[in-house]
PDB file of N, CA and C in Angstrom:
ATOM      1  N   MET A   1      42.708 -36.060 -89.281  1.00  0.00           N
ATOM      2  CA  MET A   1      43.352 -37.191 -88.345  1.00  0.00           C
ATOM      3  C   MET A   1      43.164 -36.773 -86.920  1.00  0.00           C
ATOM      4  N   LYS A   2      43.901 -35.581 -86.469  1.00  0.00           N
ATOM      5  CA  LYS A   2      43.999 -35.170 -85.200  1.00  0.00           C
ATOM      6  C   LYS A   2      42.604 -34.810 -84.553  1.00  0.00           C
ATOM      7  N   ALA A   3      41.402 -34.531 -85.307  1.00  0.00           N
ATOM      8  CA  ALA A   3      40.171 -34.518 -84.780  1.00  0.00           C
ATOM      9  C   ALA A   3      39.600 -35.890 -84.247  1.00  0.00           C
ATOM     10  N   SER A   4      39.950 -36.823 -85.105  1.00  0.00           N
ATOM     11  CA  SER A   4      39.565 -38.221 -84.659  1.00  0.00           C
ATOM     12  C   SER A   4      40.357 -38.707 -83.534  1.00  0.00           C
ATOM     13  N   LEU A   5      41.599 -38.188 -83.289  1.00  0.00           N
ATOM     14  CA  LEU A   5      42.388 -38.532 -82.192  1.00  0.00           C
ATOM     15  C   LEU A   5      41.793 -37.933 -81.067  1.00  0.00           C
ATOM     16  N   TRP A   6      41.351 -36.714 -80.995  1.00  0.00           N
ATOM     17  CA  TRP A   6      40.569 -36.028 -79.903  1.00  0.00           C
ATOM     18  C   TRP A   6      39.405 -36.898 -79.412  1.00  0.00           C
ATOM     19  N   SER A   7      38.593 -37.200 -80.466  1.00  0.00           N
ATOM     20  CA  SER A   7      37.250 -37.967 -80.059  1.00  0.00           C
ATOM     21  C   SER A   7      37.593 -39.134 -79.390  1.00  0.00           C
ATOM     22  N   ALA A   8      38.694 -40.096 -80.004  1.00  0.00           N
ATOM     23  CA  ALA A   8      38.966 -41.245 -79.340  1.00  0.00           C
ATOM     24  C   ALA A   8      39.527 -41.319 -78.034  1.00  0.00           C
ATOM     25  N   ALA A   9      40.451 -40.173 -77.800  1.00  0.00           N
ATOM     26  CA  ALA A   9      40.846 -39.977 -76.526  1.00  0.00           C
ATOM     27  C   ALA A   9      40.129 -39.726 -75.579  1.00  0.00           C
ATOM     28  N   GLN A  10      38.876 -38.824 -75.772  1.00  0.00           N
ATOM     29  CA  GLN A  10      37.955 -38.503 -75.089  1.00  0.00           C
ATOM     30  C   GLN A  10      37.110 -39.571 -74.516  1.00  0.00           C
ATOM     31  N   TYR A  11      36.797 -40.387 -75.528  1.00  0.00           N
ATOM     32  CA  TYR A  11      36.115 -41.565 -75.349  1.00  0.00           C
ATOM     33  C   TYR A  11      36.725 -42.595 -74.398  1.00  0.00           C
ATOM     34  N   ILE A  12      38.050 -42.844 -74.621  1.00  0.00           N
ATOM     35  CA  ILE A  12      38.882 -43.591 -73.951  1.00  0.00           C
ATOM     36  C   ILE A  12      38.946 -43.276 -72.314  1.00  0.00           C
ATOM     37  N   MET A  13      39.146 -41.894 -72.261  1.00  0.00           N
ATOM     38  CA  MET A  13      39.169 -41.510 -70.802  1.00  0.00           C
ATOM     39  C   MET A  13      37.839 -41.302 -70.145  1.00  0.00           C
ATOM     40  N   GLY A  14      36.886 -41.767 -70.983  1.00  0.00           N
ATOM     41  CA  GLY A  14      35.526 -41.818 -70.083  1.00  0.00           C
ATOM     42  C   GLY A  14      34.732 -40.409 -70.168  1.00  0.00           C
ATOM     43  N   MET A  15      35.273 -39.417 -71.084  1.00  0.00           N
ATOM     44  CA  MET A  15      34.514 -38.168 -71.023  1.00  0.00           C
ATOM     45  C   MET A  15      33.519 -38.071 -72.077  1.00  0.00           C
ATOM     46  N   GLU A  16      32.767 -36.930 -71.969  1.00  0.00           N
ATOM     47  CA  GLU A  16      31.585 -36.691 -72.972  1.00  0.00           C
ATOM     48  C   GLU A  16      32.601 -36.244 -74.193  1.00  0.00           C
ATOM     49  N   VAL A  17      32.309 -36.767 -75.264  1.00  0.00           N
ATOM     50  CA  VAL A  17      33.032 -36.464 -76.564  1.00  0.00           C
ATOM     51  C   VAL A  17      32.487 -35.128 -76.901  1.00  0.00           C
ATOM     52  N   LYS A  18      33.404 -33.945 -76.967  1.00  0.00           N
ATOM     53  CA  LYS A  18      32.970 -32.754 -77.420  1.00  0.00           C
ATOM     54  C   LYS A  18      33.599 -32.526 -78.686  1.00  0.00           C
ATOM     55  N   GLN A  19      32.861 -31.788 -79.503  1.00  0.00           N
ATOM     56  CA  GLN A  19      33.645 -31.323 -80.871  1.00  0.00           C
ATOM     57  C   GLN A  19      34.601 -30.202 -80.606  1.00  0.00           C
ATOM     58  N   GLN A  20      35.257 -30.049 -81.747  1.00  0.00           N
ATOM     59  CA  GLN A  20      36.250 -29.108 -81.645  1.00  0.00           C
ATOM     60  C   GLN A  20      36.008 -27.860 -81.013  1.00  0.00           C
ATOM     61  N   CYS A  21      34.842 -27.252 -81.433  1.00  0.00           N
ATOM     62  CA  CYS A  21      34.527 -25.808 -80.826  1.00  0.00           C
ATOM     63  C   CYS A  21      34.422 -25.869 -79.315  1.00  0.00           C
ATOM     64  N   GLY A  22      33.706 -27.097 -78.744  1.00  0.00           N
ATOM     65  CA  GLY A  22      33.571 -27.170 -77.365  1.00  0.00           C
ATOM     66  C   GLY A  22      34.951 -27.293 -76.540  1.00  0.00           C
ATOM     67  N   VAL A  23      35.785 -28.077 -77.328  1.00  0.00           N
ATOM     68  CA  VAL A  23      37.118 -28.210 -76.682  1.00  0.00           C
ATOM     69  C   VAL A  23      37.778 -26.881 -76.644  1.00  0.00           C
ATOM     70  N   TRP A  24      37.798 -26.183 -77.493  1.00  0.00           N
ATOM     71  CA  TRP A  24      38.547 -24.907 -77.993  1.00  0.00           C
ATOM     72  C   TRP A  24      37.993 -23.882 -76.767  1.00  0.00           C
ATOM     73  N   ALA A  25      36.676 -23.938 -76.705  1.00  0.00           N
ATOM     74  CA  ALA A  25      36.025 -23.056 -75.787  1.00  0.00           C
ATOM     75  C   ALA A  25      36.460 -23.248 -74.412  1.00  0.00           C
ATOM     76  N   SER A  26      36.773 -24.524 -73.858  1.00  0.00           N
ATOM     77  CA  SER A  26      37.180 -24.964 -72.542  1.00  0.00           C
ATOM     78  C   SER A  26      38.553 -24.713 -72.502  1.00  0.00           C
ATOM     79  N   LEU A  27      39.451 -24.740 -73.464  1.00  0.00           N
ATOM     80  CA  LEU A  27      41.048 -24.611 -73.480  1.00  0.00           C
ATOM     81  C   LEU A  27      41.188 -23.110 -73.238  1.00  0.00           C
ATOM     82  N   THR A  28      40.302 -22.307 -73.939  1.00  0.00           N
ATOM     83  CA  THR A  28      40.546 -20.797 -73.884  1.00  0.00           C
ATOM     84  C   THR A  28      39.696 -20.048 -72.799  1.00  0.00           C
ATOM     85  N   TYR A  29      39.271 -20.916 -71.835  1.00  0.00           N
ATOM     86  CA  TYR A  29      38.351 -20.384 -70.644  1.00  0.00           C
ATOM     87  C   TYR A  29      37.201 -19.752 -71.213  1.00  0.00           C
ATOM     88  N   ARG A  30      36.625 -19.749 -72.252  1.00  0.00           N
ATOM     89  CA  ARG A  30      35.460 -19.327 -72.509  1.00  0.00           C
ATOM     90  C   ARG A  30      34.239 -19.922 -72.016  1.00  0.00           C
ATOM     91  N   ARG A  31      34.568 -21.090 -71.344  1.00  0.00           N
ATOM     92  CA  ARG A  31      33.452 -22.062 -70.964  1.00  0.00           C
ATOM     93  C   ARG A  31      33.743 -22.537 -69.539  1.00  0.00           C
ATOM     94  N   PRO A  32      33.108 -22.265 -68.554  1.00  0.00           N
ATOM     95  CA  PRO A  32      33.538 -22.899 -67.136  1.00  0.00           C
ATOM     96  C   PRO A  32      33.672 -24.440 -67.444  1.00  0.00           C
ATOM     97  N   THR A  33      34.881 -24.891 -67.049  1.00  0.00           N
ATOM     98  CA  THR A  33      35.266 -26.143 -67.203  1.00  0.00           C
ATOM     99  C   THR A  33      35.909 -26.897 -65.844  1.00  0.00           C
ATOM    100  N   ALA A  34      35.544 -27.992 -65.705  1.00  0.00           N
ATOM    101  CA  ALA A  34      36.190 -28.592 -64.373  1.00  0.00           C
ATOM    102  C   ALA A  34      37.600 -28.750 -64.675  1.00  0.00           C
ATOM    103  N   GLN A  35      38.497 -28.834 -63.350  1.00  0.00           N
ATOM    104  CA  GLN A  35      39.879 -29.019 -63.511  1.00  0.00           C
ATOM    105  C   GLN A  35      40.126 -30.351 -64.204  1.00  0.00           C
ATOM    106  N   THR A  36      39.383 -31.558 -63.726  1.00  0.00           N
ATOM    107  CA  THR A  36      39.678 -32.563 -64.206  1.00  0.00           C
ATOM    108  C   THR A  36      39.472 -32.926 -65.669  1.00  0.00           C
ATOM    109  N   ILE A  37      38.636 -32.094 -66.304  1.00  0.00           N
ATOM    110  CA  ILE A  37      38.515 -32.058 -67.861  1.00  0.00           C
ATOM    111  C   ILE A  37      39.591 -31.439 -68.467  1.00  0.00           C
ATOM    112  N   LEU A  38      40.034 -30.297 -67.768  1.00  0.00           N
ATOM    113  CA  LEU A  38      41.211 -29.586 -68.439  1.00  0.00           C
ATOM    114  C   LEU A  38      42.468 -30.366 -68.293  1.00  0.00           C
ATOM    115  N   GLU A  39      42.669 -31.196 -67.205  1.00  0.00           N
ATOM    116  CA  GLU A  39      43.918 -31.932 -67.215  1.00  0.00           C
ATOM    117  C   GLU A  39      43.719 -33.184 -68.203  1.00  0.00           C
ATOM    118  N   ALA A  40      42.519 -33.624 -68.441  1.00  0.00           N
ATOM    119  CA  ALA A  40      42.437 -34.752 -69.428  1.00  0.00           C
ATOM    120  C   ALA A  40      42.789 -34.018 -70.834  1.00  0.00           C
ATOM    121  N   TYR A  41      42.126 -32.633 -71.077  1.00  0.00           N
ATOM    122  CA  TYR A  41      42.641 -32.164 -72.357  1.00  0.00           C
ATOM    123  C   TYR A  41      44.201 -31.941 -72.433  1.00  0.00           C
ATOM    124  N   GLY A  42      44.755 -31.649 -71.208  1.00  0.00           N
ATOM    125  CA  GLY A  42      46.342 -31.334 -71.449  1.00  0.00           C
ATOM    126  C   GLY A  42      46.976 -32.618 -71.794  1.00  0.00           C
ATOM    127  N   LYS A  43      46.371 -33.922 -71.258  1.00  0.00           N
ATOM    128  CA  LYS A  43      47.092 -35.059 -71.617  1.00  0.00           C
ATOM    129  C   LYS A  43      47.036 -35.349 -73.260  1.00  0.00           C
ATOM    130  N   ILE A  44      45.695 -34.957 -73.858  1.00  0.00           N
ATOM    131  CA  ILE A  44      45.608 -35.097 -75.142  1.00  0.00           C
ATOM    132  C   ILE A  44      46.428 -34.063 -75.922  1.00  0.00           C
ATOM    133  N   LEU A  45      46.509 -32.969 -75.442  1.00  0.00           N
ATOM    134  CA  LEU A  45      47.386 -31.948 -76.105  1.00  0.00           C
ATOM    135  C   LEU A  45      49.024 -32.246 -75.969  1.00  0.00           C
ATOM    136  N   LEU A  46      49.382 -32.978 -74.928  1.00  0.00           N
ATOM    137  CA  LEU A  46      50.639 -33.499 -74.749  1.00  0.00           C
ATOM    138  C   LEU A  46      51.025 -34.697 -75.837  1.00  0.00           C
ATOM    139  N   ILE A  47      49.916 -35.513 -76.067  1.00  0.00           N
ATOM    140  CA  ILE A  47      50.054 -36.543 -77.119  1.00  0.00           C
ATOM    141  C   ILE A  47      50.165 -35.969 -78.621  1.00  0.00           C
ATOM    142  N   VAL A  48      49.272 -34.900 -78.752  1.00  0.00           N
ATOM    143  CA  VAL A  48      49.468 -34.231 -80.089  1.00  0.00           C
ATOM    144  C   VAL A  48      50.758 -33.576 -80.385  1.00  0.00           C
ATOM    145  N   TRP A  49      51.339 -32.892 -79.259  1.00  0.00           N
ATOM    146  CA  TRP A  49      52.567 -32.215 -79.320  1.00  0.00           C
ATOM    147  C   TRP A  49      53.739 -33.296 -79.572  1.00  0.00           C
ATOM    148  N   ARG A  50      53.713 -34.373 -78.867  1.00  0.00           N
ATOM    149  CA  ARG A  50      54.834 -35.379 -78.999  1.00  0.00           C
ATOM    150  C   ARG A  50      54.672 -35.979 -80.417  1.00  0.00           C
ATOM    151  N   MET A  51      53.419 -36.459 -80.735  1.00  0.00           N
ATOM    152  CA  MET A  51      53.318 -37.013 -82.203  1.00  0.00           C
ATOM    153  C   MET A  51      53.833 -35.967 -83.267  1.00  0.00           C
ATOM    154  N   HIS A  52      53.572 -34.804 -83.148  1.00  0.00           N
ATOM    155  CA  HIS A  52      53.739 -33.626 -84.034  1.00  0.00           C
ATOM    156  C   HIS A  52      55.371 -33.636 -84.348  1.00  0.00           C
ATOM    157  N   TRP A  53      56.045 -33.701 -83.277  1.00  0.00           N
ATOM    158  CA  TRP A  53      57.561 -33.657 -83.342  1.00  0.00           C
ATOM    159  C   TRP A  53      58.017 -34.802 -83.740  1.00  0.00           C
ATOM    160  N   GLN A  54      57.585 -36.029 -83.423  1.00  0.00           N
ATOM    161  CA  GLN A  54      58.103 -37.256 -83.910  1.00  0.00           C
ATOM    162  C   GLN A  54      57.786 -37.267 -85.435  1.00  0.00           C
ATOM    163  N   CYS A  55      56.783 -36.710 -85.907  1.00  0.00           N
ATOM    164  CA  CYS A  55      56.538 -36.700 -87.285  1.00  0.00           C
ATOM    165  C   CYS A  55      57.642 -35.834 -87.978  1.00  0.00           C
ATOM    166  N   ILE A  56      57.897 -34.541 -87.387  1.00  0.00           N
ATOM    167  CA  ILE A  56      58.883 -33.732 -88.020  1.00  0.00           C
ATOM    168  C   ILE A  56      60.438 -34.272 -87.877  1.00  0.00           C
ATOM    169  N   TYR A  57      60.934 -34.600 -86.709  1.00  0.00           N
ATOM    170  CA  TYR A  57      62.142 -34.903 -86.517  1.00  0.00           C
ATOM    171  C   TYR A  57      62.540 -36.349 -87.117  1.00  0.00           C
ATOM    172  N   LYS A  58      61.653 -37.191 -86.804  1.00  0.00           N
ATOM    173  CA  LYS A  58      61.953 -38.593 -87.254  1.00  0.00           C
ATOM    174  C   LYS A  58      61.359 -39.004 -88.409  1.00  0.00           C
ATOM    175  N   ASN A  59      60.527 -38.047 -89.246  1.00  0.00           N
ATOM    176  CA  ASN A  59      59.900 -38.263 -90.478  1.00  0.00           C
ATOM    177  C   ASN A  59      59.086 -39.311 -90.449  1.00  0.00           C
ATOM    178  N   TYR A  60      58.333 -39.479 -89.318  1.00  0.00           N
ATOM    179  CA  TYR A  60      57.151 -40.536 -89.275  1.00  0.00           C
ATOM    180  C   TYR A  60      55.938 -40.010 -89.907  1.00  0.00           C
ATOM    181  N   PRO A  61      55.026 -40.844 -90.407  1.00  0.00           N
ATOM    182  CA  PRO A  61      53.782 -40.402 -90.710  1.00  0.00           C
ATOM    183  C   PRO A  61      52.865 -40.292 -89.476  1.00  0.00           C
ATOM    184  N   TRP A  62      51.766 -39.522 -89.519  1.00  0.00           N
ATOM    185  CA  TRP A  62      50.887 -39.578 -88.443  1.00  0.00           C
ATOM    186  C   TRP A  62      50.040 -40.644 -88.385  1.00  0.00           C
ATOM    187  N   HIS A  63      50.146 -41.540 -87.218  1.00  0.00           N
ATOM    188  CA  HIS A  63      49.043 -42.500 -87.067  1.00  0.00           C
ATOM    189  C   HIS A  63      48.416 -42.445 -85.716  1.00  0.00           C
ATOM    190  N   ASN A  64      46.962 -42.418 -85.696  1.00  0.00           N
ATOM    191  CA  ASN A  64      46.381 -42.333 -84.487  1.00  0.00           C
ATOM    192  C   ASN A  64      46.565 -43.595 -83.576  1.00  0.00           C
ATOM    193  N   ASN A  65      46.975 -44.732 -84.323  1.00  0.00           N
ATOM    194  CA  ASN A  65      47.168 -45.820 -83.346  1.00  0.00           C
ATOM    195  C   ASN A  65      48.482 -45.663 -82.638  1.00  0.00           C
ATOM    196  N   HIS A  66      49.568 -44.971 -83.056  1.00  0.00           N
ATOM    197  CA  HIS A  66      50.725 -44.606 -82.437  1.00  0.00           C
ATOM    198  C   HIS A  66      50.294 -43.595 -81.267  1.00  0.00           C
ATOM    199  N   ALA A  67      49.591 -42.622 -81.675  1.00  0.00           N
ATOM    200  CA  ALA A  67      49.233 -41.432 -80.649  1.00  0.00           C
ATOM    201  C   ALA A  67      48.296 -42.141 -79.483  1.00  0.00           C
ATOM    202  N   LEU A  68      47.361 -43.078 -79.855  1.00  0.00           N
ATOM    203  CA  LEU A  68      46.595 -43.858 -78.676  1.00  0.00           C
ATOM    204  C   LEU A  68      47.407 -44.607 -77.922  1.00  0.00           C
ATOM    205  N   ALA A  69      48.579 -45.306 -78.466  1.00  0.00           N
ATOM    206  CA  ALA A  69      49.475 -46.258 -77.733  1.00  0.00           C
ATOM    207  C   ALA A  69      50.065 -45.188 -76.611  1.00  0.00           C
ATOM    208  N   ILE A  70      50.491 -43.957 -76.857  1.00  0.00           N
ATOM    209  CA  ILE A  70      51.091 -42.939 -76.073  1.00  0.00           C
ATOM    210  C   ILE A  70      49.984 -42.527 -74.998  1.00  0.00           C
ATOM    211  N   LEU A  71      48.701 -42.423 -75.462  1.00  0.00           N
ATOM    212  CA  LEU A  71      47.559 -42.001 -74.368  1.00  0.00           C
ATOM    213  C   LEU A  71      47.730 -43.277 -73.417  1.00  0.00           C
ATOM    214  N   TYR A  72      47.593 -44.505 -73.695  1.00  0.00           N
ATOM    215  CA  TYR A  72      47.458 -45.609 -72.927  1.00  0.00           C
ATOM    216  C   TYR A  72      48.703 -45.493 -72.022  1.00  0.00           C
ATOM    217  N   LYS A  73      49.764 -45.484 -72.660  1.00  0.00           N
ATOM    218  CA  LYS A  73      50.996 -45.448 -71.587  1.00  0.00           C
ATOM    219  C   LYS A  73      50.957 -44.263 -70.501  1.00  0.00           C
ATOM    220  N   ILE A  74      50.363 -43.206 -71.040  1.00  0.00           N
ATOM    221  CA  ILE A  74      50.336 -42.058 -69.971  1.00  0.00           C
ATOM    222  C   ILE A  74      49.224 -42.254 -68.907  1.00  0.00           C
ATOM    223  N   LEU A  75      48.079 -42.907 -69.292  1.00  0.00           N
ATOM    224  CA  LEU A  75      47.020 -43.331 -68.223  1.00  0.00           C
ATOM    225  C   LEU A  75      47.561 -44.204 -67.331  1.00  0.00           C
ATOM    226  N   TRP A  76      48.293 -45.249 -68.039  1.00  0.00           N
ATOM    227  CA  TRP A  76      48.880 -46.434 -67.219  1.00  0.00           C
ATOM    228  C   TRP A  76      49.927 -45.781 -66.017  1.00  0.00           C
ATOM    229  N   GLN A  77      50.741 -44.821 -66.653  1.00  0.00           N
ATOM    230  CA  GLN A  77      51.727 -44.386 -65.798  1.00  0.00           C
ATOM    231  C   GLN A  77      51.103 -43.518 -64.648  1.00  0.00           C
ATOM    232  N   ALA A  78      50.056 -42.877 -64.860  1.00  0.00           N
ATOM    233  CA  ALA A  78      49.270 -42.194 -63.808  1.00  0.00           C
ATOM    234  C   ALA A  78      48.235 -42.940 -63.052  1.00  0.00           C
ATOM    235  N   GLY A  79      48.375 -44.283 -63.267  1.00  0.00           N
ATOM    236  CA  GLY A  79      47.375 -45.165 -62.300  1.00  0.00           C
ATOM    237  C   GLY A  79      46.001 -44.860 -62.924  1.00  0.00           C
ATOM    238  N   MET A  80      45.609 -44.429 -64.068  1.00  0.00           N
ATOM    239  CA  MET A  80      44.444 -44.006 -64.471  1.00  0.00           C
ATOM    240  C   MET A  80      43.713 -45.190 -65.249  1.00  0.00           C
ATOM    241  N   LEU A  81      44.593 -46.058 -65.925  1.00  0.00           N
ATOM    242  CA  LEU A  81      43.999 -47.102 -66.749  1.00  0.00           C
ATOM    243  C   LEU A  81      43.142 -48.138 -66.036  1.00  0.00           C
ATOM    244  N   GLU A  82      43.431 -48.440 -64.915  1.00  0.00           N
ATOM    245  CA  GLU A  82      42.740 -49.558 -63.909  1.00  0.00           C
ATOM    246  C   GLU A  82      41.268 -48.856 -63.684  1.00  0.00           C
ATOM    247  N   GLN A  83      41.265 -47.557 -63.479  1.00  0.00           N
ATOM    248  CA  GLN A  83      40.001 -46.845 -63.162  1.00  0.00           C
ATOM    249  C   GLN A  83      39.053 -47.182 -64.247  1.00  0.00           C
ATOM    250  N   GLN A  84      39.585 -46.848 -65.536  1.00  0.00           N
ATOM    251  CA  GLN A  84      38.804 -47.005 -66.807  1.00  0.00           C
ATOM    252  C   GLN A  84      38.311 -48.317 -66.924  1.00  0.00           C
ATOM    253  N   SER A  85      39.172 -49.551 -66.660  1.00  0.00           N
ATOM    254  CA  SER A  85      38.717 -50.872 -67.042  1.00  0.00           C
ATOM    255  C   SER A  85      37.688 -51.311 -65.938  1.00  0.00           C
ATOM    256  N   ASP A  86      37.647 -50.627 -64.734  1.00  0.00           N
ATOM    257  CA  ASP A  86      36.807 -50.960 -63.653  1.00  0.00           C
ATOM    258  C   ASP A  86      35.353 -50.603 -64.035  1.00  0.00           C
ATOM    259  N   ARG A  87      35.184 -49.417 -64.985  1.00  0.00           N
ATOM    260  CA  ARG A  87      33.795 -48.816 -65.210  1.00  0.00           C
ATOM    261  C   ARG A  87      33.329 -49.841 -66.341  1.00  0.00           C
ATOM    262  N   GLU A  88      34.101 -50.356 -67.111  1.00  0.00           N
ATOM    263  CA  GLU A  88      33.476 -51.009 -68.316  1.00  0.00           C
ATOM    264  C   GLU A  88      32.944 -52.342 -67.981  1.00  0.00           C
TER     265      GLU A  88
END
């Protein structure tokens, strides 16, 4: 489920959707990656982390819809949501 969240989040943020090995190579600095891409990956990691602990402490099941709602909130708070809708 988390792999599908990564793909959906990359797509929503207007990024090239990379497979797990490509994302991991960027996160571990094995591949040169632009700062904007790393910042976007950081947002996705934040969502995975928040959802993980909600599942643990509040005993919620993992739902990608909940995770994507958090992503939209983060993008909206950062003023990035309007930029995405302008491109579509």
